[in-house]
Protein backbone atom coordinates (compact mmCIF):
# COMPACT_ATOMS: atom_id res chain seq x y z
CA GLN A 1 126.89 -39.73 138.09
CA VAL A 2 123.62 -38.21 139.23
CA GLN A 3 123.05 -34.86 137.59
CA LEU A 4 120.28 -32.36 137.12
CA VAL A 5 121.16 -29.59 134.71
CA GLU A 6 118.88 -26.58 134.54
CA SER A 7 118.61 -23.84 131.96
CA GLY A 8 116.30 -21.04 130.89
CA GLY A 9 116.30 -18.50 133.68
CA GLY A 10 116.80 -14.81 133.14
CA LEU A 11 115.39 -11.33 133.44
CA VAL A 12 111.92 -10.54 132.12
CA GLN A 13 109.39 -7.78 132.52
CA ALA A 14 106.16 -8.35 134.40
CA GLY A 15 103.64 -10.05 132.15
CA GLY A 16 106.34 -11.82 130.20
CA SER A 17 107.18 -15.49 129.85
CA LEU A 18 110.10 -17.80 130.45
CA ARG A 19 110.63 -21.51 129.98
CA LEU A 20 112.86 -23.51 132.28
CA SER A 21 114.35 -26.88 131.39
CA CYS A 22 115.97 -29.54 133.54
CA ALA A 23 117.74 -32.56 132.12
CA ALA A 24 118.34 -35.49 134.46
CA SER A 25 121.01 -38.13 134.05
CA PHE A 26 118.56 -40.78 135.29
CA SER A 27 114.88 -41.69 135.14
CA THR A 28 112.59 -41.11 138.08
CA ASN A 29 108.86 -41.03 138.67
CA ILE A 30 108.44 -37.62 140.27
CA MET A 31 110.17 -34.48 139.07
CA ALA A 32 109.43 -31.02 140.37
CA TRP A 33 110.34 -27.36 140.40
CA TYR A 34 110.90 -25.47 143.62
CA ARG A 35 111.84 -21.85 144.16
CA GLN A 36 113.45 -19.81 146.86
CA ALA A 37 113.16 -16.05 147.10
CA PRO A 38 115.52 -13.96 149.24
CA ARG A 39 114.81 -14.39 152.96
CA LYS A 40 112.12 -16.96 152.27
CA GLN A 41 111.91 -20.72 152.55
CA ARG A 42 112.15 -22.93 149.50
CA GLU A 43 108.67 -23.75 148.22
CA LEU A 44 107.18 -26.22 145.79
CA VAL A 45 106.09 -24.64 142.52
CA ALA A 46 104.93 -27.67 140.55
CA ARG A 47 105.55 -31.40 140.23
CA ILE A 48 104.78 -34.07 137.70
CA THR A 49 104.79 -37.85 137.65
CA ARG A 50 106.06 -40.01 134.83
CA GLY A 51 102.41 -40.61 133.90
CA GLY A 52 101.72 -36.89 133.62
CA SER A 53 99.84 -36.16 136.84
CA THR A 54 100.57 -32.65 138.05
CA ASP A 55 100.31 -30.49 141.16
CA TYR A 56 100.77 -26.73 141.38
CA ALA A 57 101.18 -24.15 144.09
CA ASP A 58 98.08 -21.99 144.31
CA SER A 59 100.15 -18.91 143.50
CA VAL A 60 101.07 -20.21 140.03
CA LYS A 61 97.94 -22.08 138.97
CA GLY A 62 96.72 -20.92 135.60
CA ARG A 63 100.05 -19.22 134.80
CA PHE A 64 102.67 -21.98 134.97
CA THR A 65 102.66 -25.34 133.23
CA ILE A 66 104.92 -28.25 134.08
CA SER A 67 105.60 -30.93 131.49
CA ARG A 68 108.16 -33.61 130.82
CA ASP A 69 109.76 -35.63 128.07
CA ASN A 70 110.25 -39.08 129.53
CA SER A 71 112.38 -40.23 126.61
CA LYS A 72 114.94 -37.54 127.52
CA ASN A 73 114.46 -37.48 131.32
CA THR A 74 113.71 -33.78 130.98
CA VAL A 75 111.20 -31.62 132.79
CA PHE A 76 110.03 -28.19 131.72
CA LEU A 77 108.34 -25.27 133.41
CA GLN A 78 106.52 -22.83 131.15
CA MET A 79 105.95 -19.62 133.09
CA ASN A 80 103.51 -17.08 131.68
CA THR A 81 102.14 -13.81 132.99
CA LEU A 82 105.11 -13.50 135.29
CA LYS A 83 104.88 -11.24 138.32
CA PRO A 84 107.60 -9.55 140.37
CA GLU A 85 106.75 -11.91 143.23
CA ASP A 86 107.84 -14.82 141.03
CA THR A 87 111.42 -13.57 141.35
CA ALA A 88 113.48 -16.36 142.90
CA VAL A 89 116.07 -19.02 142.29
CA TYR A 90 114.29 -21.96 140.72
CA TYR A 91 115.51 -25.48 141.49
CA CYS A 92 114.81 -28.71 139.70
CA ASN A 93 114.12 -31.67 141.98
CA ALA A 94 114.01 -35.39 141.37
CA ALA A 95 112.54 -37.65 144.04
CA THR A 96 113.93 -41.18 144.17
CA SER A 97 113.83 -44.08 146.61
CA GLY A 98 117.36 -43.13 147.58
CA GLY A 99 116.50 -39.53 148.36
CA ASP A 100 115.99 -36.22 146.64
CA TYR A 101 118.35 -34.73 144.10
CA TRP A 102 118.63 -31.06 143.26
CA GLY A 103 119.84 -28.97 140.38
CA GLN A 104 122.17 -26.04 140.85
CA GLY A 105 119.38 -23.49 140.53
CA THR A 106 118.59 -20.87 137.93
CA GLN A 107 117.75 -17.25 138.67
CA VAL A 108 114.44 -15.82 137.48
CA THR A 109 114.02 -12.09 137.91
CA VAL A 110 110.79 -10.32 137.03
CA SER A 111 110.93 -6.54 136.85
CA SER A 112 107.92 -4.36 137.46
């Protein structure tokens, strides 16, 4: 069964840090984190290939770091210097030849 299980969201003050994790039940080349804030469209935050190549949204460059453990099919998102505008539901994504798979989402709330 295809599964993406996320963990690590929560409430943090501005300037704080959180680390998200997503464990997949399968191996895939590209894994990513997206987020969706209230009344906004879902947007790409960061993605990483199995080889370690990364892309980031301009709004998180220098603050967020995506990484993965290929042996465990797990992707991480280290979020530092969090801002209130980072508040959103964060979704793990795995892109495969058969389509995209999504986690259930984890809430990140940054208070000012």
